[in-house]
């Protein structure tokens, strides 16, 4: 190991033979082997899954530059997630850490584990046996949010000039759109209530707009993560799809199961020592 290497932490997990075996054949964001780092406290059943990465890429200044390189960022995200997903697949409870959680050395990583071991262990207890499912709700592309300041009007079309008739038709179309939007919004609210009743926790993410929305048609009006017991995943999917069925203009996407990224406590800024 080079003295210029830093310690990249992927996840927090319990220190067990199964966890050690799960890391044995994994490689990380820099192609490095993954292993466990445990706190110095005797008997502490806690560990980071870590790898050693070059400071030329992961010290603060080069890392900030890399984060503007979309190809590098995408590759790193995929590699980071692959490590976390493999640990989850081994059956162990995992607290995923955010991208590029980097420490100066293993002693610094151990100190971070020592400092927060109570929090980490309580979260692991809470997340054991649970997964994250994502639910995105879309309104059809031809249904748009109501225009501010519009008021319903009941103008007759007959007897009007062409220009006035056109304005009346336009307002009627806007009213139909607004009615359709309200229908979708009410259905989305009911669907969110259904999902909440089937899950043990929810995190509401900001709906995706622009390039973040990708190629999915329509307007993203709901973008939530749910913490669901593993044994309830099928019932969750069935319940959500049933709640969305038959609502004109409403589309739902369910993703996962994932590691519980949205529900994992992240290290405090003062614990990160990549500088």
Protein backbone atom coordinates (compact mmCIF):
# COMPACT_ATOMS: atom_id res chain seq x y z
CA UNK A 1 0.00 0.00 0.00
CA UNK A 2 1.41 3.40 -0.98
CA UNK A 3 1.67 6.19 1.58
CA UNK A 4 -0.18 8.37 -0.92
CA UNK A 5 -3.28 6.19 -0.74
CA UNK A 6 -6.44 7.26 1.04
CA UNK A 7 -9.17 5.10 2.59
CA UNK A 8 -12.46 5.09 0.69
CA UNK A 9 -15.41 3.89 2.82
CA UNK A 10 -18.37 2.29 1.04
CA UNK A 11 -20.67 1.18 3.84
CA UNK A 12 -21.08 0.46 7.52
CA UNK A 13 -22.02 -3.07 8.52
CA UNK A 14 -21.72 -5.53 11.36
CA UNK A 15 -18.36 -7.24 11.65
CA UNK A 16 -19.26 -10.89 11.05
CA UNK A 17 -17.61 -13.82 9.21
CA UNK A 18 -20.33 -13.48 6.55
CA UNK A 19 -19.49 -9.81 6.02
CA UNK A 20 -15.78 -10.58 5.76
CA UNK A 21 -16.51 -13.33 3.24
CA UNK A 22 -18.72 -10.98 1.21
CA UNK A 23 -15.87 -8.49 0.80
CA UNK A 24 -13.23 -11.08 -0.06
CA UNK A 25 -13.69 -10.96 -3.83
CA UNK A 26 -14.94 -7.39 -4.30
CA UNK A 27 -13.10 -4.57 -6.01
CA UNK A 28 -13.89 -0.89 -5.68
CA UNK A 29 -13.92 2.41 -7.54
CA UNK A 30 -10.19 2.27 -8.30
CA UNK A 31 -10.12 -1.50 -8.89
CA UNK A 32 -8.80 -1.94 -5.36
CA UNK A 33 -9.62 -4.93 -3.14
CA UNK A 34 -12.24 -4.34 -0.46
CA UNK A 35 -11.79 -5.33 3.18
CA UNK A 36 -13.23 -4.53 6.59
CA UNK A 37 -11.88 -1.96 9.04
CA UNK A 38 -13.15 -2.31 12.60
CA UNK A 39 -12.97 0.20 15.46
CA UNK A 40 -10.32 -0.19 18.11
CA UNK A 41 -12.94 -0.78 20.84
CA UNK A 42 -12.80 -4.38 21.99
CA UNK A 43 -15.94 -6.31 21.12
CA UNK A 44 -17.45 -3.61 18.90
CA UNK A 45 -19.44 -5.50 16.26
CA UNK A 46 -19.09 -2.81 13.63
CA UNK A 47 -16.96 -2.20 10.54
CA UNK A 48 -16.44 -0.07 7.48
CA UNK A 49 -16.13 -1.79 4.12
CA UNK A 50 -13.17 0.09 2.63
CA UNK A 51 -10.60 0.16 -0.13
CA UNK A 52 -7.36 2.09 -0.63
CA UNK A 53 -7.56 4.65 -3.44
CA UNK A 54 -4.92 6.99 -4.89
CA UNK A 55 -4.79 10.51 -3.47
CA UNK A 56 -4.05 11.72 -7.01
CA UNK A 57 -7.73 11.06 -7.74
CA UNK A 58 -9.44 11.20 -4.34
CA UNK A 59 -7.76 14.00 -2.39
CA UNK A 60 -9.99 17.05 -2.14
CA UNK A 61 -8.71 19.08 -5.12
CA UNK A 62 -8.55 16.29 -7.74
CA UNK A 63 -11.82 14.84 -6.50
CA UNK A 64 -13.62 18.14 -7.02
CA UNK A 65 -12.23 18.27 -10.55
CA UNK A 66 -13.33 14.69 -11.23
CA UNK A 67 -16.88 15.43 -10.09
CA UNK A 68 -17.28 17.72 -13.10
CA UNK A 69 -16.33 14.84 -15.43
CA UNK A 70 -19.61 13.06 -16.12
CA UNK A 71 -17.97 9.93 -17.53
CA UNK A 72 -15.72 9.59 -14.49
CA UNK A 73 -18.61 10.31 -12.16
CA UNK A 74 -20.88 7.72 -13.79
CA UNK A 75 -18.17 5.05 -13.63
CA UNK A 76 -17.47 5.84 -9.97
CA UNK A 77 -21.15 5.77 -9.03
CA UNK A 78 -21.57 2.38 -10.71
CA UNK A 79 -18.51 0.92 -8.98
CA UNK A 80 -19.55 2.34 -5.61
CA UNK A 81 -23.05 0.93 -5.96
CA UNK A 82 -21.72 -2.46 -7.10
CA UNK A 83 -19.82 -2.84 -3.83
CA UNK A 84 -22.86 -1.87 -1.75
CA UNK A 85 -25.19 -4.10 -3.78
CA UNK A 86 -22.87 -7.10 -3.36
CA UNK A 87 -22.82 -6.59 0.40
CA UNK A 88 -26.62 -6.35 0.49
CA UNK A 89 -26.87 -9.52 -1.62
CA UNK A 90 -24.83 -11.37 0.99
CA UNK A 91 -27.72 -10.93 3.41
CA UNK A 92 -26.02 -8.57 5.83
CA UNK A 93 -27.59 -5.30 6.93
CA UNK A 94 -25.77 -2.39 5.28
CA UNK A 95 -25.66 1.37 5.80
CA UNK A 96 -24.49 2.73 2.44
CA UNK A 97 -22.22 5.77 2.65
CA UNK A 98 -22.37 8.64 0.22
CA UNK A 99 -20.11 8.76 -2.79
CA UNK A 100 -16.45 9.54 -2.06
CA UNK A 101 -16.50 9.26 1.73
CA UNK A 102 -12.74 9.34 2.13
CA UNK A 103 -10.44 9.21 5.18
CA UNK A 104 -6.74 9.96 5.52
CA UNK A 105 -5.92 6.47 6.76
CA UNK A 106 -7.43 3.47 8.52
CA UNK A 107 -6.80 4.93 11.98
CA UNK A 108 -8.94 7.95 11.06
CA UNK A 109 -11.65 5.64 9.76
CA UNK A 110 -11.56 3.67 13.01
CA UNK A 111 -11.93 6.88 14.99
CA UNK A 112 -15.02 7.76 12.94
CA UNK A 113 -16.50 4.36 13.75
CA UNK A 114 -15.68 4.76 17.44
CA UNK A 115 -17.25 8.23 17.54
CA UNK A 116 -20.57 7.16 16.05
CA UNK A 117 -20.81 3.45 16.80
CA UNK A 118 -23.97 3.90 18.89
CA UNK A 119 -25.76 5.68 16.03
CA UNK A 120 -24.55 3.19 13.46
CA UNK A 121 -25.57 0.15 15.51
CA UNK A 122 -29.05 1.56 16.20
CA UNK A 123 -29.54 2.25 12.49
CA UNK A 124 -28.36 -1.22 11.56
CA UNK A 125 -30.88 -2.65 14.03
CA UNK A 126 -33.62 -0.54 12.42
CA UNK A 127 -32.72 -1.40 8.82
CA UNK A 128 -32.08 -5.10 9.28
CA UNK A 129 -34.62 -7.01 7.20
CA UNK A 130 -35.67 -3.93 5.20
CA UNK A 131 -34.99 -2.64 1.69
CA UNK A 132 -35.59 0.59 -0.15
CA UNK A 133 -38.15 0.85 -2.95
CA UNK A 134 -38.55 3.90 -5.14
CA UNK A 135 -41.93 5.15 -6.37
CA UNK A 136 -42.15 7.77 -9.11
CA UNK A 137 -45.52 9.17 -10.12
CA UNK A 138 -46.04 10.83 -13.52
CA UNK A 139 -48.82 12.85 -15.10
CA UNK A 140 -49.31 12.14 -18.81
CA UNK A 141 -47.42 14.47 -21.18
CA UNK A 142 -50.63 16.22 -22.29
CA UNK A 143 -51.60 17.10 -18.70
CA UNK A 144 -49.80 20.16 -17.35
CA UNK A 145 -50.00 22.11 -14.08
CA UNK A 146 -52.75 24.76 -14.07
CA UNK A 147 -51.78 28.22 -15.24
CA UNK A 148 -51.60 30.76 -12.44
CA UNK A 149 -54.56 33.12 -12.27
CA UNK A 150 -56.88 31.19 -14.55
CA UNK A 151 -60.56 31.28 -13.71
CA UNK A 152 -63.29 29.09 -15.19
CA UNK A 153 -65.58 30.83 -17.64
CA UNK A 154 -68.78 29.67 -19.32
CA UNK A 155 -68.72 31.76 -22.52
CA UNK A 156 -70.90 30.38 -25.33
CA UNK A 157 -69.17 29.93 -28.68
CA UNK A 158 -72.13 30.61 -30.95
CA UNK A 159 -72.56 34.17 -32.17
CA UNK A 160 -68.91 35.14 -31.53
CA UNK A 161 -66.33 36.33 -33.99
CA UNK A 162 -63.54 33.94 -34.96
CA UNK A 163 -60.98 35.53 -32.62
CA UNK A 164 -63.33 35.51 -29.63
CA UNK A 165 -64.44 31.94 -30.37
CA UNK A 166 -60.80 30.84 -30.45
CA UNK A 167 -60.22 32.34 -26.99
CA UNK A 168 -63.28 30.53 -25.63
CA UNK A 169 -62.08 27.20 -27.08
CA UNK A 170 -58.64 27.78 -25.59
CA UNK A 171 -60.13 28.44 -22.14
CA UNK A 172 -62.27 25.31 -22.34
CA UNK A 173 -59.24 23.23 -23.22
CA UNK A 174 -57.41 24.77 -20.28
CA UNK A 175 -60.30 23.89 -17.96
CA UNK A 176 -60.24 20.27 -19.16
CA UNK A 177 -56.50 20.17 -18.55
CA UNK A 178 -56.92 21.63 -15.06
CA UNK A 179 -59.62 19.10 -14.24
CA UNK A 180 -57.38 16.27 -15.46
CA UNK A 181 -54.47 17.64 -13.39
CA UNK A 182 -56.61 17.75 -10.24
CA UNK A 183 -57.72 14.14 -10.86
CA UNK A 184 -54.12 12.99 -11.20
CA UNK A 185 -52.98 15.03 -8.19
CA UNK A 186 -55.71 13.56 -5.96
CA UNK A 187 -54.91 10.04 -7.16
CA UNK A 188 -51.20 10.65 -6.49
CA UNK A 189 -52.01 11.76 -2.94
CA UNK A 190 -54.10 8.60 -2.35
CA UNK A 191 -51.32 6.47 -3.80
CA UNK A 192 -48.78 8.10 -1.46
CA UNK A 193 -51.04 7.31 1.51
CA UNK A 194 -51.31 3.69 0.37
CA UNK A 195 -47.54 3.40 0.00
CA UNK A 196 -46.99 4.95 3.42
CA UNK A 197 -49.31 2.41 5.03
CA UNK A 198 -47.35 -0.48 3.45
CA UNK A 199 -43.92 0.87 4.39
CA UNK A 200 -42.26 1.72 7.70
CA UNK A 201 -40.75 5.02 6.54
CA UNK A 202 -40.74 7.43 3.62
CA UNK A 203 -38.37 10.03 2.24
CA UNK A 204 -39.82 12.53 -0.24
CA UNK A 205 -37.25 13.46 -2.88
CA UNK A 206 -37.61 16.45 -5.19
CA UNK A 207 -39.50 15.53 -8.39
CA UNK A 208 -37.16 15.25 -11.35
CA UNK A 209 -37.16 17.95 -14.00
CA UNK A 210 -35.29 18.59 -17.24
CA UNK A 211 -32.37 16.27 -18.00
CA UNK A 212 -32.72 14.58 -14.60
CA UNK A 213 -36.09 13.20 -15.65
CA UNK A 214 -34.45 11.22 -18.45
CA UNK A 215 -36.63 9.93 -21.26
CA UNK A 216 -39.67 9.10 -19.12
CA UNK A 217 -42.78 10.70 -20.68
CA UNK A 218 -44.87 13.11 -18.67
CA UNK A 219 -44.34 15.33 -15.63
CA UNK A 220 -42.80 13.76 -12.54
CA UNK A 221 -45.08 14.80 -9.65
CA UNK A 222 -43.87 12.32 -7.03
CA UNK A 223 -40.39 10.91 -6.37
CA UNK A 224 -40.32 9.06 -3.06
CA UNK A 225 -38.28 6.37 -1.37
CA UNK A 226 -39.91 3.86 1.00
CA UNK A 227 -38.38 1.59 3.60
CA UNK A 228 -40.14 -1.74 3.23
CA UNK A 229 -39.73 -5.06 5.10
CA UNK A 230 -38.24 -7.65 2.75
CA UNK A 231 -41.22 -9.92 3.22
CA UNK A 232 -43.62 -7.16 2.18
CA UNK A 233 -42.00 -6.16 -1.13
CA UNK A 234 -44.45 -8.08 -3.32
CA UNK A 235 -47.46 -6.75 -1.38
CA UNK A 236 -46.08 -3.23 -1.67
CA UNK A 237 -45.77 -3.49 -5.45
CA UNK A 238 -49.22 -5.01 -5.80
CA UNK A 239 -50.83 -2.38 -3.58
CA UNK A 240 -49.24 0.56 -5.39
CA UNK A 241 -50.09 -0.71 -8.86
CA UNK A 242 -53.67 -1.42 -7.78
CA UNK A 243 -54.02 2.10 -6.38
CA UNK A 244 -52.84 3.57 -9.71
CA UNK A 245 -54.95 1.32 -11.94
CA UNK A 246 -57.70 2.99 -13.94
CA UNK A 247 -56.70 6.61 -13.23
CA UNK A 248 -56.56 8.47 -16.56
CA UNK A 249 -53.25 10.25 -17.13
CA UNK A 250 -51.47 8.65 -14.16
CA UNK A 251 -48.37 6.48 -14.52
CA UNK A 252 -46.30 4.87 -11.77
CA UNK A 253 -42.77 3.44 -11.76
CA UNK A 254 -41.56 1.23 -8.90
CA UNK A 255 -37.83 0.58 -8.64
CA UNK A 256 -35.72 -1.60 -6.37
CA UNK A 257 -35.29 -3.23 -4.03
CA UNK A 258 -32.16 -1.23 -3.22
CA UNK A 259 -29.84 -0.82 -0.31
CA UNK A 260 -31.45 1.79 1.97
CA UNK A 261 -29.49 4.80 0.69
CA UNK A 262 -32.25 7.25 1.57
CA UNK A 263 -32.47 6.04 5.16
CA UNK A 264 -28.79 5.63 6.06
CA UNK A 265 -27.18 8.17 8.35
CA UNK A 266 -24.22 9.83 6.68
CA UNK A 267 -20.94 10.86 8.34
CA UNK A 268 -20.79 14.42 9.61
CA UNK A 269 -18.60 16.77 7.57
CA UNK A 270 -15.97 17.08 10.31
CA UNK A 271 -15.40 13.33 10.15
CA UNK A 272 -14.34 13.40 6.50
CA UNK A 273 -10.61 13.97 6.20
CA UNK A 274 -9.71 13.76 2.55
CA UNK A 275 -7.69 16.97 2.62
